[in-house]
Amino acid sequence: MIGSAKIIASCAWKARQLSGGLGQALAFAIQGRSKPEHPFPFTFDKLHFVARWRDWPGVEEVMIGREYAFIDQLLNRQKPVIVDLGTNIGAFSLYVFSLCPEAVVHALEPSAATFQLLAKNADLNGGLRWHCARYAAWRDDTTVRFANAASSTGSHVSEAEGDEAVPTLGLASVLARVGSPFVDLMKIDIEGSEEAFLVGREALLTRIGAIIIEIHPNRCRAENVVRTLRGAFPYLYRIPGRQSAKPLILACRTPYDGLPAF
C-alpha cells in the first residue's frame, strides 16, 4: 500500500504541471491505474491533448522531463518539415508545435487504439499543420502484425506476439507521402524496427537534414543502425541525462554545440 501511495503521489505531483490543478492530477493518478484505457485531458503550453495511464511514460519523458529540449536549434527554418515516426498520442509533435507553431508535422502511428487518440489530439489543435496517418515504419510497404504493450510506448512490430494487423510504409513511401523535397527533422522511435527501416536506405537519407532516433538494442542490431547513420550524416551526438538506458542519438549535417559526440 505504501508503494502504491508513493506511485500515485509522484505521478500526481508531475501530472499537475499538465492538468487543471492538483485535484485533476490526483484523479488521473488514482483512476488511471484502474482504467488504463480511459483518456484524461491535459494541456501543454496552451496545446490541448488527451492521454491514458498507459501513455504516461512517453508524456512524462517528453513534456515533464523535456528530453527533446535540444531540438530548438534544429527548427531554424520557416515552416520546417518534421516527420514523427512512432508518434504514439503525439507528445513529440506537440513539443515541436510548442517551439515552432508554424511547423508542418507528418505523424505516423500504427496502433489502432493509440491512433484514435492521436487523431483526437490533432482535432483538439485544429489550427496546426499536423497530418496524421495510421502506418508503421518498416522495410517496405506491406502489412505486419503489431503487438500492443501495457505501456503504449513499448508497442512494436512482432509477427510472433502481434494482436493486430497494421499497414506499413518504407522510407521511400514516407518521403513520398510528405511531398517535400527535403525533411528538416525526422524523429524515429519505432521500438526495434529502426534497422529494417533505415539500413540500405543511405541514398534516401540525403533528403533528411537531421534524425533523432531511439535505438532498441534488444530488438535490432544496433551496430547496423549506427553504421548506416554514420555513413549518411557527418555528425552523431548522444543525448545525455535520460531516464531510459536506450541510446537516443542525434544525427545531423552541421555541428551541434553542447552535446557529447556518439
Protein backbone atom coordinates (compact mmCIF):
# COMPACT_ATOMS: atom_id res chain seq x y z
CA MET A 1 0.00 0.00 0.00
CA ILE A 2 2.80 2.41 0.85
CA GLY A 3 4.45 1.73 -2.51
CA SER A 4 1.20 2.35 -4.37
CA ALA A 5 0.62 5.58 -2.47
CA LYS A 6 4.10 6.79 -3.41
CA ILE A 7 3.48 5.99 -7.09
CA ILE A 8 0.18 7.86 -7.03
CA ALA A 9 1.68 10.85 -5.23
CA SER A 10 4.68 11.03 -7.57
CA CYS A 11 2.51 10.76 -10.68
CA ALA A 12 0.02 13.35 -9.43
CA TRP A 13 2.78 15.80 -8.49
CA LYS A 14 4.20 15.58 -12.01
CA ALA A 15 0.83 15.48 -13.79
CA ARG A 16 -0.29 18.69 -12.09
CA GLN A 17 2.03 20.55 -14.50
CA LEU A 18 -0.16 19.42 -17.40
CA SER A 19 -3.61 19.48 -15.80
CA GLY A 20 -6.06 21.91 -14.28
CA GLY A 21 -4.53 21.56 -10.83
CA LEU A 22 -3.57 19.01 -8.21
CA GLY A 23 -7.14 17.71 -7.90
CA GLN A 24 -7.36 16.81 -11.56
CA ALA A 25 -3.87 15.33 -11.43
CA LEU A 26 -4.85 13.18 -8.44
CA ALA A 27 -7.92 11.94 -10.32
CA PHE A 28 -5.66 10.84 -13.17
CA ALA A 29 -3.15 9.19 -10.84
CA ILE A 30 -5.83 7.31 -8.86
CA GLN A 31 -8.39 6.46 -11.53
CA GLY A 32 -5.90 5.98 -14.35
CA ARG A 33 -4.28 2.95 -12.73
CA SER A 34 -7.60 1.10 -12.61
CA LYS A 35 -8.74 2.41 -16.01
CA PRO A 36 -5.57 2.36 -18.15
CA GLU A 37 -7.54 2.84 -21.39
CA HIS A 38 -9.54 5.86 -20.20
CA PRO A 39 -8.36 9.18 -21.73
CA PHE A 40 -7.83 12.18 -19.44
CA PRO A 41 -7.50 15.81 -20.58
CA PHE A 42 -4.21 17.69 -20.30
CA THR A 43 -2.66 20.94 -21.51
CA PHE A 44 0.93 21.59 -22.55
CA ASP A 45 1.96 25.16 -23.32
CA LYS A 46 -1.66 26.04 -24.28
CA LEU A 47 -1.90 22.96 -26.51
CA HIS A 48 -4.64 20.52 -25.53
CA PHE A 49 -4.42 16.75 -25.60
CA VAL A 50 -5.80 13.58 -24.04
CA ALA A 51 -3.74 10.69 -22.70
CA ARG A 52 -4.32 7.38 -20.96
CA TRP A 53 -2.47 5.96 -17.98
CA ARG A 54 -0.64 3.61 -20.36
CA ASP A 55 0.60 6.64 -22.34
CA TRP A 56 2.05 8.41 -19.31
CA PRO A 57 5.69 7.20 -19.60
CA GLY A 58 6.03 8.88 -23.00
CA VAL A 59 4.21 12.02 -21.89
CA GLU A 60 6.45 12.28 -18.84
CA GLU A 61 9.65 11.85 -20.86
CA VAL A 62 8.75 14.47 -23.44
CA MET A 63 6.70 17.06 -21.58
CA ILE A 64 7.90 16.79 -17.97
CA GLY A 65 11.47 15.56 -18.47
CA ARG A 66 11.82 17.54 -21.74
CA GLU A 67 14.19 15.01 -23.29
CA TYR A 68 13.90 16.80 -26.62
CA ALA A 69 14.64 20.30 -25.36
CA PHE A 70 17.68 20.45 -27.66
CA ILE A 71 15.58 20.46 -30.85
CA ASP A 72 15.00 24.22 -30.76
CA GLN A 73 18.27 24.67 -32.69
CA LEU A 74 17.00 22.27 -35.37
CA LEU A 75 13.81 24.24 -36.06
CA ASN A 76 15.50 27.30 -37.50
CA ARG A 77 13.82 27.40 -40.92
CA GLN A 78 10.44 28.97 -41.64
CA LYS A 79 7.76 26.27 -41.69
CA PRO A 80 10.17 23.38 -41.07
CA VAL A 81 9.01 19.96 -42.26
CA ILE A 82 9.02 17.35 -39.49
CA VAL A 83 8.33 13.62 -39.68
CA ASP A 84 7.35 11.92 -36.42
CA LEU A 85 7.58 8.12 -36.68
CA GLY A 86 6.16 6.15 -33.77
CA THR A 87 4.11 9.17 -32.79
CA ASN A 88 2.10 7.49 -30.03
CA ILE A 89 -0.52 10.03 -28.89
CA GLY A 90 1.57 12.94 -30.22
CA ALA A 91 3.72 14.17 -27.31
CA PHE A 92 6.78 14.86 -29.50
CA SER A 93 4.67 16.52 -32.21
CA LEU A 94 3.08 18.76 -29.59
CA TYR A 95 6.51 19.61 -28.22
CA VAL A 96 7.57 20.67 -31.72
CA PHE A 97 4.49 22.86 -32.07
CA SER A 98 5.15 24.47 -28.68
CA LEU A 99 8.52 25.65 -30.03
CA CYS A 100 7.51 26.28 -33.63
CA PRO A 101 3.74 26.67 -34.24
CA GLU A 102 4.28 27.14 -37.98
CA ALA A 103 5.96 23.72 -38.38
CA VAL A 104 4.48 21.12 -40.73
CA VAL A 105 4.39 17.76 -38.94
CA HIS A 106 3.67 14.41 -40.59
CA ALA A 107 2.94 11.83 -37.89
CA LEU A 108 2.66 8.05 -38.25
CA GLU A 109 1.30 5.75 -35.52
CA PRO A 110 0.48 2.04 -36.09
CA SER A 111 -1.72 1.07 -33.11
CA ALA A 112 -5.41 1.48 -33.91
CA ALA A 113 -6.40 2.49 -30.37
CA THR A 114 -3.47 4.86 -29.92
CA PHE A 115 -4.04 6.37 -33.35
CA GLN A 116 -7.60 7.26 -32.34
CA LEU A 117 -6.19 9.40 -29.52
CA LEU A 118 -3.58 10.90 -31.83
CA ALA A 119 -6.30 11.91 -34.29
CA LYS A 120 -8.34 13.38 -31.44
CA ASN A 121 -5.34 15.39 -30.26
CA ALA A 122 -4.83 16.74 -33.76
CA ASP A 123 -8.51 17.76 -33.83
CA LEU A 124 -8.14 19.49 -30.45
CA ASN A 125 -5.47 21.70 -32.02
CA GLY A 126 -7.12 22.33 -35.35
CA GLY A 127 -5.06 25.35 -36.37
CA LEU A 128 -1.83 23.36 -36.60
CA ARG A 129 -0.35 21.79 -39.75
CA TRP A 130 -0.48 18.32 -38.21
CA HIS A 131 -1.02 15.45 -40.66
CA CYS A 132 -1.62 12.07 -39.01
CA ALA A 133 -1.88 8.63 -40.60
CA ARG A 134 -2.03 5.07 -39.32
CA TYR A 135 1.10 3.27 -40.51
CA ALA A 136 4.11 1.50 -39.06
CA ALA A 137 7.55 2.42 -40.38
CA TRP A 138 9.07 -0.74 -41.82
CA ARG A 139 11.34 -2.18 -44.51
CA ASP A 140 8.77 -1.77 -47.28
CA ASP A 141 5.07 -1.22 -47.95
CA THR A 142 3.19 -4.24 -46.68
CA THR A 143 1.13 -5.42 -43.69
CA VAL A 144 2.65 -6.74 -40.44
CA ARG A 145 1.50 -7.96 -37.05
CA PHE A 146 1.73 -5.41 -34.26
CA ALA A 147 1.87 -6.12 -30.52
CA ASN A 148 0.23 -3.60 -28.19
CA ALA A 149 2.06 -3.42 -24.86
CA ALA A 150 0.76 -2.45 -21.41
CA SER A 151 2.74 0.78 -21.79
CA SER A 152 1.74 2.11 -25.19
CA THR A 153 5.25 3.41 -25.89
CA GLY A 154 6.52 -0.19 -25.83
CA SER A 155 4.18 -1.46 -28.56
CA HIS A 156 6.07 -2.89 -31.53
CA VAL A 157 6.04 -4.90 -34.75
CA SER A 158 6.03 -8.60 -33.84
CA GLU A 159 4.94 -11.47 -36.04
CA ALA A 160 5.01 -13.81 -33.03
CA GLU A 161 3.16 -11.64 -30.48
CA GLY A 162 1.14 -9.28 -32.67
CA ASP A 163 -2.52 -8.76 -31.78
CA GLU A 164 -3.49 -6.61 -34.77
CA ALA A 165 -2.52 -6.19 -38.41
CA VAL A 166 -1.15 -2.79 -39.43
CA PRO A 167 -0.17 -1.29 -42.80
CA THR A 168 3.44 -0.22 -43.20
CA LEU A 169 5.47 2.27 -45.21
CA GLY A 170 9.13 2.06 -46.19
CA LEU A 171 11.32 5.15 -46.09
CA ALA A 172 10.76 5.93 -49.78
CA SER A 173 7.00 5.92 -49.29
CA VAL A 174 7.23 8.01 -46.12
CA LEU A 175 9.15 10.68 -48.02
CA ALA A 176 6.74 10.50 -50.95
CA ARG A 177 3.81 10.93 -48.58
CA VAL A 178 5.40 14.04 -47.08
CA GLY A 179 5.57 15.57 -50.54
CA SER A 180 8.52 17.83 -49.77
CA PRO A 181 11.94 17.52 -51.43
CA PHE A 182 13.59 17.92 -48.02
CA VAL A 183 12.68 16.92 -44.47
CA ASP A 184 14.25 19.15 -41.84
CA LEU A 185 13.91 16.71 -38.96
CA MET A 186 12.81 13.09 -38.64
CA LYS A 187 12.17 11.61 -35.21
CA ILE A 188 12.27 7.79 -35.11
CA ASP A 189 11.05 5.83 -32.08
CA ILE A 190 9.75 2.61 -33.59
CA GLU A 191 10.67 0.03 -30.95
CA GLY A 192 13.20 -2.08 -32.82
CA SER A 193 12.05 -1.57 -36.41
CA GLU A 194 14.74 1.05 -37.00
CA GLU A 195 17.15 -1.45 -38.55
CA ALA A 196 14.58 -2.69 -41.07
CA PHE A 197 13.54 0.90 -41.83
CA LEU A 198 16.97 2.50 -42.29
CA VAL A 199 19.65 0.01 -43.28
CA GLY A 200 20.32 0.09 -47.02
CA ARG A 201 18.49 3.40 -47.49
CA GLU A 202 21.52 5.70 -47.43
CA ALA A 203 20.61 7.38 -50.72
CA LEU A 204 17.22 8.41 -49.35
CA LEU A 205 18.75 9.75 -46.14
CA THR A 206 20.35 12.57 -48.13
CA ARG A 207 16.87 14.15 -48.22
CA ILE A 208 16.78 14.49 -44.42
CA GLY A 209 18.53 17.28 -42.52
CA ALA A 210 18.64 15.58 -39.12
CA ILE A 211 17.38 12.43 -37.43
CA ILE A 212 16.62 11.89 -33.77
CA ILE A 213 16.42 8.17 -33.10
CA GLU A 214 15.95 5.97 -30.06
CA ILE A 215 17.76 2.67 -30.65
CA HIS A 216 16.43 -0.57 -29.15
CA PRO A 217 19.40 -2.98 -28.92
CA ASN A 218 17.18 -5.78 -27.58
CA ARG A 219 15.07 -5.77 -30.76
CA CYS A 220 17.55 -4.91 -33.53
CA ARG A 221 21.24 -4.96 -34.37
CA ALA A 222 22.15 -1.54 -33.09
CA GLU A 223 25.58 -1.58 -34.76
CA ASN A 224 23.93 -1.77 -38.19
CA VAL A 225 21.74 1.23 -37.42
CA VAL A 226 24.69 3.28 -36.16
CA ARG A 227 26.81 2.29 -39.19
CA THR A 228 24.04 3.46 -41.51
CA LEU A 229 23.73 6.79 -39.70
CA ARG A 230 27.49 7.36 -39.77
CA GLY A 231 27.50 6.70 -43.50
CA ALA A 232 24.78 9.27 -44.13
CA PHE A 233 25.47 12.04 -41.58
CA PRO A 234 28.79 13.70 -40.67
CA TYR A 235 27.84 14.32 -37.03
CA LEU A 236 26.37 11.95 -34.43
CA TYR A 237 25.61 13.01 -30.86
CA ARG A 238 24.34 11.21 -27.77
CA ILE A 239 21.52 12.82 -25.80
CA PRO A 240 22.59 12.70 -22.12
CA GLY A 241 20.63 12.58 -18.89
CA ARG A 242 17.94 10.13 -19.96
CA GLN A 243 15.89 8.02 -17.56
CA SER A 244 15.89 5.25 -20.15
CA ALA A 245 19.04 3.19 -20.79
CA LYS A 246 18.25 3.03 -24.51
CA PRO A 247 20.50 5.36 -26.54
CA LEU A 248 18.91 8.47 -28.01
CA ILE A 249 21.02 9.77 -30.91
CA LEU A 250 21.01 12.94 -32.96
CA ALA A 251 22.41 12.51 -36.48
CA CYS A 252 22.85 15.82 -38.31
CA ARG A 253 24.68 17.66 -41.08
CA THR A 254 26.07 20.59 -39.08
CA PRO A 255 27.84 20.63 -35.71
CA TYR A 256 25.69 20.91 -32.60
CA ASP A 257 27.33 22.62 -29.63
CA GLY A 258 26.70 21.28 -26.15
CA LEU A 259 26.03 17.61 -26.90
CA PRO A 260 28.57 14.80 -26.45
CA ALA A 261 29.72 13.01 -29.61
CA PHE A 262 28.43 9.48 -30.09
